[in-house]
PDB file of all heavy atoms in Angstrom:
ATOM      1  N   THR A   1       0.842  -1.177   0.015  1.00  0.00           N
ATOM      2  CA  THR A   1      -0.017  -0.010  -0.020  1.00  0.00           C
ATOM      3  C   THR A   1       0.874   1.267  -0.005  1.00  0.00           C
ATOM      4  O   THR A   1       0.650   2.190  -0.772  1.00  0.00           O
ATOM      5  CB  THR A   1      -0.929   0.018   1.204  1.00  0.00           C
ATOM      6  OG1 THR A   1      -1.763  -1.177   1.228  1.00  0.00           O
ATOM      7  CG2 THR A   1      -1.815   1.258   1.250  1.00  0.00           C
ATOM      8  N   ARG A   2       1.875   1.247   0.862  1.00  0.00           N
ATOM      9  CA  ARG A   2       2.806   2.369   0.868  1.00  0.00           C
ATOM     10  C   ARG A   2       3.518   2.600  -0.425  1.00  0.00           C
ATOM     11  O   ARG A   2       3.595   3.721  -0.961  1.00  0.00           O
ATOM     12  CB  ARG A   2       3.800   2.225   2.021  1.00  0.00           C
ATOM     13  CG  ARG A   2       4.673   3.424   2.226  1.00  0.00           C
ATOM     14  CD  ARG A   2       5.719   3.127   3.267  1.00  0.00           C
ATOM     15  NE  ARG A   2       5.223   2.927   4.514  1.00  0.00           N
ATOM     16  CZ  ARG A   2       5.787   2.170   5.523  1.00  0.00           C
ATOM     17  NH1 ARG A   2       6.903   1.566   5.262  1.00  0.00           N
ATOM     18  NH2 ARG A   2       5.147   2.029   6.694  1.00  0.00           N
ATOM     19  N   GLY A   3       3.980   1.485  -1.064  1.00  0.00           N
ATOM     20  CA  GLY A   3       4.652   1.539  -2.323  1.00  0.00           C
ATOM     21  C   GLY A   3       3.722   2.052  -3.444  1.00  0.00           C
ATOM     22  O   GLY A   3       4.150   2.806  -4.330  1.00  0.00           O
ATOM     23  N   ALA A   4       2.464   1.514  -3.450  1.00  0.00           N
ATOM     24  CA  ALA A   4       1.556   1.853  -4.463  1.00  0.00           C
ATOM     25  C   ALA A   4       1.187   3.320  -4.411  1.00  0.00           C
ATOM     26  O   ALA A   4       1.181   4.084  -5.440  1.00  0.00           O
ATOM     27  CB  ALA A   4       0.264   0.999  -4.356  1.00  0.00           C
ATOM     28  N   LEU A   5       0.917   3.838  -3.218  1.00  0.00           N
ATOM     29  CA  LEU A   5       0.536   5.252  -3.082  1.00  0.00           C
ATOM     30  C   LEU A   5       1.688   6.187  -3.302  1.00  0.00           C
ATOM     31  O   LEU A   5       1.537   7.346  -3.735  1.00  0.00           O
ATOM     32  CB  LEU A   5      -0.132   5.471  -1.696  1.00  0.00           C
ATOM     33  CG  LEU A   5      -1.525   4.877  -1.523  1.00  0.00           C
ATOM     34  CD1 LEU A   5      -2.078   5.177  -0.196  1.00  0.00           C
ATOM     35  CD2 LEU A   5      -2.471   5.275  -2.677  1.00  0.00           C
ATOM     36  N   THR A   6       2.912   5.702  -2.981  1.00  0.00           N
ATOM     37  CA  THR A   6       4.097   6.516  -3.322  1.00  0.00           C
ATOM     38  C   THR A   6       4.299   6.623  -4.805  1.00  0.00           C
ATOM     39  O   THR A   6       4.618   7.664  -5.345  1.00  0.00           O
ATOM     40  CB  THR A   6       5.340   5.881  -2.600  1.00  0.00           C
ATOM     41  OG1 THR A   6       5.154   5.826  -1.201  1.00  0.00           O
ATOM     42  CG2 THR A   6       6.576   6.688  -2.908  1.00  0.00           C
ATOM     43  N   THR A   7       4.088   5.480  -5.479  1.00  0.00           N
ATOM     44  CA  THR A   7       4.188   5.471  -6.984  1.00  0.00           C
ATOM     45  C   THR A   7       3.152   6.473  -7.512  1.00  0.00           C
ATOM     46  O   THR A   7       3.498   7.256  -8.486  1.00  0.00           O
ATOM     47  CB  THR A   7       3.951   4.078  -7.530  1.00  0.00           C
ATOM     48  OG1 THR A   7       4.981   3.213  -6.957  1.00  0.00           O
ATOM     49  CG2 THR A   7       4.083   4.042  -9.042  1.00  0.00           C
ATOM     50  N   PHE A   8       1.929   6.395  -7.005  1.00  0.00           N
ATOM     51  CA  PHE A   8       0.892   7.257  -7.537  1.00  0.00           C
ATOM     52  C   PHE A   8       1.243   8.698  -7.289  1.00  0.00           C
ATOM     53  O   PHE A   8       1.045   9.567  -8.131  1.00  0.00           O
ATOM     54  CB  PHE A   8      -0.440   6.912  -6.859  1.00  0.00           C
ATOM     55  CG  PHE A   8      -1.590   7.729  -7.312  1.00  0.00           C
ATOM     56  CD1 PHE A   8      -2.425   7.283  -8.352  1.00  0.00           C
ATOM     57  CD2 PHE A   8      -1.936   8.921  -6.655  1.00  0.00           C
ATOM     58  CE1 PHE A   8      -3.483   8.076  -8.782  1.00  0.00           C
ATOM     59  CE2 PHE A   8      -2.937   9.715  -7.089  1.00  0.00           C
ATOM     60  CZ  PHE A   8      -3.758   9.290  -8.154  1.00  0.00           C
ATOM     61  N   SER A   9       1.712   8.983  -6.058  1.00  0.00           N
ATOM     62  CA  SER A   9       2.084  10.342  -5.669  1.00  0.00           C
ATOM     63  C   SER A   9       3.142  10.930  -6.550  1.00  0.00           C
ATOM     64  O   SER A   9       3.020  12.079  -7.018  1.00  0.00           O
ATOM     65  CB  SER A   9       2.488  10.441  -4.254  1.00  0.00           C
ATOM     66  OG  SER A   9       2.835  11.766  -3.850  1.00  0.00           O
ATOM     67  N   ILE A  10       4.219  10.161  -6.763  1.00  0.00           N
ATOM     68  CA  ILE A  10       5.320  10.709  -7.649  1.00  0.00           C
ATOM     69  C   ILE A  10       4.816  10.915  -9.113  1.00  0.00           C
ATOM     70  O   ILE A  10       5.063  11.980  -9.711  1.00  0.00           O
ATOM     71  CB  ILE A  10       6.439   9.643  -7.622  1.00  0.00           C
ATOM     72  CG1 ILE A  10       7.076   9.677  -6.196  1.00  0.00           C
ATOM     73  CG2 ILE A  10       7.511  10.051  -8.698  1.00  0.00           C
ATOM     74  CD1 ILE A  10       8.204   8.585  -6.014  1.00  0.00           C
ATOM     75  N   ALA A  11       4.070   9.940  -9.587  1.00  0.00           N
ATOM     76  CA  ALA A  11       3.550  10.130 -10.969  1.00  0.00           C
ATOM     77  C   ALA A  11       2.529  11.269 -10.995  1.00  0.00           C
ATOM     78  O   ALA A  11       2.510  12.046 -12.008  1.00  0.00           O
ATOM     79  CB  ALA A  11       2.792   8.841 -11.392  1.00  0.00           C
ATOM     80  N   ASN A  12       1.784  11.442  -9.921  1.00  0.00           N
ATOM     81  CA  ASN A  12       0.800  12.545  -9.831  1.00  0.00           C
ATOM     82  C   ASN A  12       1.483  13.835  -9.898  1.00  0.00           C
ATOM     83  O   ASN A  12       1.082  14.831 -10.572  1.00  0.00           O
ATOM     84  CB  ASN A  12      -0.020  12.326  -8.579  1.00  0.00           C
ATOM     85  CG  ASN A  12      -1.035  13.431  -8.324  1.00  0.00           C
ATOM     86  OD1 ASN A  12      -2.001  13.520  -8.948  1.00  0.00           O
ATOM     87  ND2 ASN A  12      -0.701  14.235  -7.300  1.00  0.00           N
ATOM     88  N   ASP A  13       2.629  13.969  -9.140  1.00  0.00           N
ATOM     89  CA  ASP A  13       3.344  15.249  -9.078  1.00  0.00           C
ATOM     90  C   ASP A  13       3.968  15.530 -10.409  1.00  0.00           C
ATOM     91  O   ASP A  13       3.978  16.699 -10.918  1.00  0.00           O
ATOM     92  CB  ASP A  13       4.466  15.141  -8.002  1.00  0.00           C
ATOM     93  CG  ASP A  13       3.881  15.116  -6.572  1.00  0.00           C
ATOM     94  OD1 ASP A  13       2.752  15.582  -6.416  1.00  0.00           O
ATOM     95  OD2 ASP A  13       4.524  14.617  -5.675  1.00  0.00           O
ATOM     96  N   ILE A  14       4.561  14.571 -11.074  1.00  0.00           N
ATOM     97  CA  ILE A  14       5.196  14.810 -12.352  1.00  0.00           C
ATOM     98  C   ILE A  14       4.160  15.249 -13.377  1.00  0.00           C
ATOM     99  O   ILE A  14       4.453  16.225 -14.170  1.00  0.00           O
ATOM    100  CB  ILE A  14       5.915  13.538 -12.867  1.00  0.00           C
ATOM    101  CG1 ILE A  14       7.086  13.193 -11.941  1.00  0.00           C
ATOM    102  CG2 ILE A  14       6.350  13.651 -14.297  1.00  0.00           C
ATOM    103  CD1 ILE A  14       7.776  11.846 -12.300  1.00  0.00           C
ATOM    104  N   ALA A  15       2.993  14.652 -13.377  1.00  0.00           N
ATOM    105  CA  ALA A  15       1.935  15.046 -14.250  1.00  0.00           C
ATOM    106  C   ALA A  15       1.491  16.502 -14.016  1.00  0.00           C
ATOM    107  O   ALA A  15       1.202  17.214 -14.989  1.00  0.00           O
ATOM    108  CB  ALA A  15       0.774  14.092 -14.133  1.00  0.00           C
ATOM    109  N   LYS A  16       1.446  16.857 -12.717  1.00  0.00           N
ATOM    110  CA  LYS A  16       1.015  18.255 -12.400  1.00  0.00           C
ATOM    111  C   LYS A  16       2.046  19.258 -12.966  1.00  0.00           C
ATOM    112  O   LYS A  16       1.671  20.336 -13.437  1.00  0.00           O
ATOM    113  CB  LYS A  16       0.894  18.408 -10.882  1.00  0.00           C
ATOM    114  CG  LYS A  16      -0.350  17.840 -10.332  1.00  0.00           C
ATOM    115  CD  LYS A  16      -0.545  18.209  -8.876  1.00  0.00           C
ATOM    116  CE  LYS A  16       0.463  17.491  -8.003  1.00  0.00           C
ATOM    117  NZ  LYS A  16       0.223  17.758  -6.581  1.00  0.00           N
ATOM    118  N   TYR A  17       3.324  18.895 -12.917  1.00  0.00           N
ATOM    119  CA  TYR A  17       4.303  19.813 -13.438  1.00  0.00           C
ATOM    120  C   TYR A  17       4.025  20.149 -14.937  1.00  0.00           C
ATOM    121  O   TYR A  17       3.990  21.263 -15.368  1.00  0.00           O
ATOM    122  CB  TYR A  17       5.736  19.210 -13.355  1.00  0.00           C
ATOM    123  CG  TYR A  17       6.153  18.721 -11.987  1.00  0.00           C
ATOM    124  CD1 TYR A  17       7.187  17.833 -11.812  1.00  0.00           C
ATOM    125  CD2 TYR A  17       5.511  19.267 -10.841  1.00  0.00           C
ATOM    126  CE1 TYR A  17       7.565  17.360 -10.573  1.00  0.00           C
ATOM    127  CE2 TYR A  17       5.904  18.802  -9.573  1.00  0.00           C
ATOM    128  CZ  TYR A  17       6.944  17.858  -9.466  1.00  0.00           C
ATOM    129  OH  TYR A  17       7.276  17.409  -8.175  1.00  0.00           O
ATOM    130  N   PHE A  18       3.770  19.062 -15.734  1.00  0.00           N
ATOM    131  CA  PHE A  18       3.567  19.231 -17.144  1.00  0.00           C
ATOM    132  C   PHE A  18       2.181  19.917 -17.439  1.00  0.00           C
ATOM    133  O   PHE A  18       1.952  20.443 -18.470  1.00  0.00           O
ATOM    134  CB  PHE A  18       3.671  17.937 -17.876  1.00  0.00           C
ATOM    135  CG  PHE A  18       5.106  17.493 -18.001  1.00  0.00           C
ATOM    136  CD1 PHE A  18       5.639  16.539 -17.146  1.00  0.00           C
ATOM    137  CD2 PHE A  18       5.931  17.984 -19.004  1.00  0.00           C
ATOM    138  CE1 PHE A  18       6.935  16.122 -17.253  1.00  0.00           C
ATOM    139  CE2 PHE A  18       7.242  17.552 -19.177  1.00  0.00           C
ATOM    140  CZ  PHE A  18       7.793  16.629 -18.271  1.00  0.00           C
ATOM    141  N   ALA A  19       1.250  19.708 -16.506  1.00  0.00           N
ATOM    142  CA  ALA A  19      -0.111  20.194 -16.687  1.00  0.00           C
ATOM    143  C   ALA A  19      -0.235  21.675 -16.419  1.00  0.00           C
ATOM    144  O   ALA A  19      -0.908  22.406 -17.163  1.00  0.00           O
ATOM    145  CB  ALA A  19      -1.068  19.453 -15.830  1.00  0.00           C
ATOM    146  N   ILE A  20       0.492  22.177 -15.410  1.00  0.00           N
ATOM    147  CA  ILE A  20       0.186  23.596 -14.980  1.00  0.00           C
ATOM    148  C   ILE A  20       1.356  24.564 -15.223  1.00  0.00           C
ATOM    149  O   ILE A  20       1.061  25.753 -15.465  1.00  0.00           O
ATOM    150  CB  ILE A  20      -0.190  23.653 -13.451  1.00  0.00           C
ATOM    151  CG1 ILE A  20       0.968  23.236 -12.588  1.00  0.00           C
ATOM    152  CG2 ILE A  20      -1.416  22.794 -13.181  1.00  0.00           C
ATOM    153  CD1 ILE A  20       0.742  23.457 -11.135  1.00  0.00           C
ATOM    154  N   ILE A  21       2.602  24.081 -15.168  1.00  0.00           N
ATOM    155  CA  ILE A  21       3.748  25.022 -15.325  1.00  0.00           C
ATOM    156  C   ILE A  21       3.670  25.768 -16.647  1.00  0.00           C
ATOM    157  O   ILE A  21       3.822  26.993 -16.675  1.00  0.00           O
ATOM    158  CB  ILE A  21       5.096  24.317 -15.024  1.00  0.00           C
ATOM    159  CG1 ILE A  21       5.181  23.947 -13.562  1.00  0.00           C
ATOM    160  CG2 ILE A  21       6.229  25.227 -15.458  1.00  0.00           C
ATOM    161  CD1 ILE A  21       6.490  23.197 -13.194  1.00  0.00           C
ATOM    162  N   PRO A  22       3.476  25.048 -17.743  1.00  0.00           N
ATOM    163  CA  PRO A  22       3.391  25.802 -19.052  1.00  0.00           C
ATOM    164  C   PRO A  22       2.256  26.825 -19.086  1.00  0.00           C
ATOM    165  O   PRO A  22       2.444  27.944 -19.582  1.00  0.00           O
ATOM    166  CB  PRO A  22       3.186  24.657 -20.090  1.00  0.00           C
ATOM    167  CG  PRO A  22       3.751  23.455 -19.462  1.00  0.00           C
ATOM    168  CD  PRO A  22       3.427  23.629 -17.994  1.00  0.00           C
ATOM    169  N   ALA A  23       1.137  26.469 -18.440  1.00  0.00           N
ATOM    170  CA  ALA A  23      -0.031  27.344 -18.472  1.00  0.00           C
ATOM    171  C   ALA A  23       0.261  28.598 -17.602  1.00  0.00           C
ATOM    172  O   ALA A  23      -0.142  29.690 -17.936  1.00  0.00           O
ATOM    173  CB  ALA A  23      -1.274  26.670 -17.985  1.00  0.00           C
ATOM    174  N   ILE A  24       0.965  28.412 -16.498  1.00  0.00           N
ATOM    175  CA  ILE A  24       1.254  29.536 -15.613  1.00  0.00           C
ATOM    176  C   ILE A  24       2.198  30.470 -16.202  1.00  0.00           C
ATOM    177  O   ILE A  24       2.122  31.755 -16.078  1.00  0.00           O
ATOM    178  CB  ILE A  24       1.715  29.015 -14.222  1.00  0.00           C
ATOM    179  CG1 ILE A  24       0.576  28.151 -13.566  1.00  0.00           C
ATOM    180  CG2 ILE A  24       2.117  30.155 -13.327  1.00  0.00           C
ATOM    181  CD1 ILE A  24       1.002  27.552 -12.279  1.00  0.00           C
ATOM    182  N   PHE A  25       3.309  29.959 -16.741  1.00  0.00           N
ATOM    183  CA  PHE A  25       4.428  30.790 -17.205  1.00  0.00           C
ATOM    184  C   PHE A  25       4.443  31.109 -18.704  1.00  0.00           C
ATOM    185  O   PHE A  25       5.360  31.723 -19.151  1.00  0.00           O
ATOM    186  CB  PHE A  25       5.777  30.126 -16.813  1.00  0.00           C
ATOM    187  CG  PHE A  25       5.941  30.062 -15.306  1.00  0.00           C
ATOM    188  CD1 PHE A  25       5.731  28.887 -14.582  1.00  0.00           C
ATOM    189  CD2 PHE A  25       6.365  31.195 -14.593  1.00  0.00           C
ATOM    190  CE1 PHE A  25       5.869  28.861 -13.269  1.00  0.00           C
ATOM    191  CE2 PHE A  25       6.563  31.120 -13.245  1.00  0.00           C
ATOM    192  CZ  PHE A  25       6.309  29.949 -12.511  1.00  0.00           C
ATOM    193  N   ALA A  26       3.485  30.555 -19.395  1.00  0.00           N
ATOM    194  CA  ALA A  26       3.470  30.867 -20.855  1.00  0.00           C
ATOM    195  C   ALA A  26       3.315  32.380 -21.189  1.00  0.00           C
ATOM    196  O   ALA A  26       3.962  32.815 -22.175  1.00  0.00           O
ATOM    197  CB  ALA A  26       2.320  30.116 -21.574  1.00  0.00           C
ATOM    198  N   VAL A  27       2.683  33.175 -20.337  1.00  0.00           N
ATOM    199  CA  VAL A  27       2.574  34.564 -20.602  1.00  0.00           C
ATOM    200  C   VAL A  27       3.886  35.260 -20.402  1.00  0.00           C
ATOM    201  O   VAL A  27       4.268  36.203 -21.130  1.00  0.00           O
ATOM    202  CB  VAL A  27       1.485  35.164 -19.687  1.00  0.00           C
ATOM    203  CG1 VAL A  27       1.424  36.679 -19.848  1.00  0.00           C
ATOM    204  CG2 VAL A  27       0.078  34.556 -19.946  1.00  0.00           C
ATOM    205  N   VAL A  28       4.643  34.814 -19.344  1.00  0.00           N
ATOM    206  CA  VAL A  28       5.934  35.397 -19.044  1.00  0.00           C
ATOM    207  C   VAL A  28       6.979  34.941 -19.979  1.00  0.00           C
ATOM    208  O   VAL A  28       7.793  35.672 -20.487  1.00  0.00           O
ATOM    209  CB  VAL A  28       6.305  35.057 -17.614  1.00  0.00           C
ATOM    210  CG1 VAL A  28       7.676  35.686 -17.282  1.00  0.00           C
ATOM    211  CG2 VAL A  28       5.238  35.550 -16.602  1.00  0.00           C
ATOM    212  N   TYR A  29       6.933  33.598 -20.310  1.00  0.00           N
ATOM    213  CA  TYR A  29       7.928  32.975 -21.231  1.00  0.00           C
ATOM    214  C   TYR A  29       7.116  32.344 -22.314  1.00  0.00           C
ATOM    215  O   TYR A  29       6.754  31.148 -22.245  1.00  0.00           O
ATOM    216  CB  TYR A  29       8.770  31.928 -20.464  1.00  0.00           C
ATOM    217  CG  TYR A  29       9.504  32.527 -19.331  1.00  0.00           C
ATOM    218  CD1 TYR A  29       9.137  32.236 -18.057  1.00  0.00           C
ATOM    219  CD2 TYR A  29      10.660  33.311 -19.534  1.00  0.00           C
ATOM    220  CE1 TYR A  29       9.803  32.830 -16.968  1.00  0.00           C
ATOM    221  CE2 TYR A  29      11.365  33.861 -18.488  1.00  0.00           C
ATOM    222  CZ  TYR A  29      10.930  33.594 -17.207  1.00  0.00           C
ATOM    223  OH  TYR A  29      11.601  34.138 -16.115  1.00  0.00           O
ATOM    224  N   PRO A  30       6.816  33.069 -23.461  1.00  0.00           N
ATOM    225  CA  PRO A  30       5.953  32.535 -24.517  1.00  0.00           C
ATOM    226  C   PRO A  30       6.375  31.226 -25.152  1.00  0.00           C
ATOM    227  O   PRO A  30       5.642  30.452 -25.648  1.00  0.00           O
ATOM    228  CB  PRO A  30       5.986  33.703 -25.565  1.00  0.00           C
ATOM    229  CG  PRO A  30       6.321  34.876 -24.822  1.00  0.00           C
ATOM    230  CD  PRO A  30       7.221  34.442 -23.686  1.00  0.00           C
ATOM    231  N   GLY A  31       7.696  30.917 -24.999  1.00  0.00           N
ATOM    232  CA  GLY A  31       8.198  29.637 -25.547  1.00  0.00           C
ATOM    233  C   GLY A  31       7.609  28.419 -24.888  1.00  0.00           C
ATOM    234  O   GLY A  31       7.580  27.296 -25.521  1.00  0.00           O
ATOM    235  N   LEU A  32       7.128  28.581 -23.691  1.00  0.00           N
ATOM    236  CA  LEU A  32       6.512  27.462 -22.961  1.00  0.00           C
ATOM    237  C   LEU A  32       5.114  27.109 -23.453  1.00  0.00           C
ATOM    238  O   LEU A  32       4.557  26.077 -23.133  1.00  0.00           O
ATOM    239  CB  LEU A  32       6.453  27.764 -21.473  1.00  0.00           C
ATOM    240  CG  LEU A  32       7.740  27.847 -20.634  1.00  0.00           C
ATOM    241  CD1 LEU A  32       7.506  28.281 -19.215  1.00  0.00           C
ATOM    242  CD2 LEU A  32       8.425  26.490 -20.689  1.00  0.00           C
TER     243      LEU A  32
END
């Protein structure tokens, strides 16, 4: 259970990076 939720959490965090960082900083850095 600990391993499964840790795997989910890490994958979840990585997905959030690609989901929101370009949207947040695209105005400041149009290349994103």
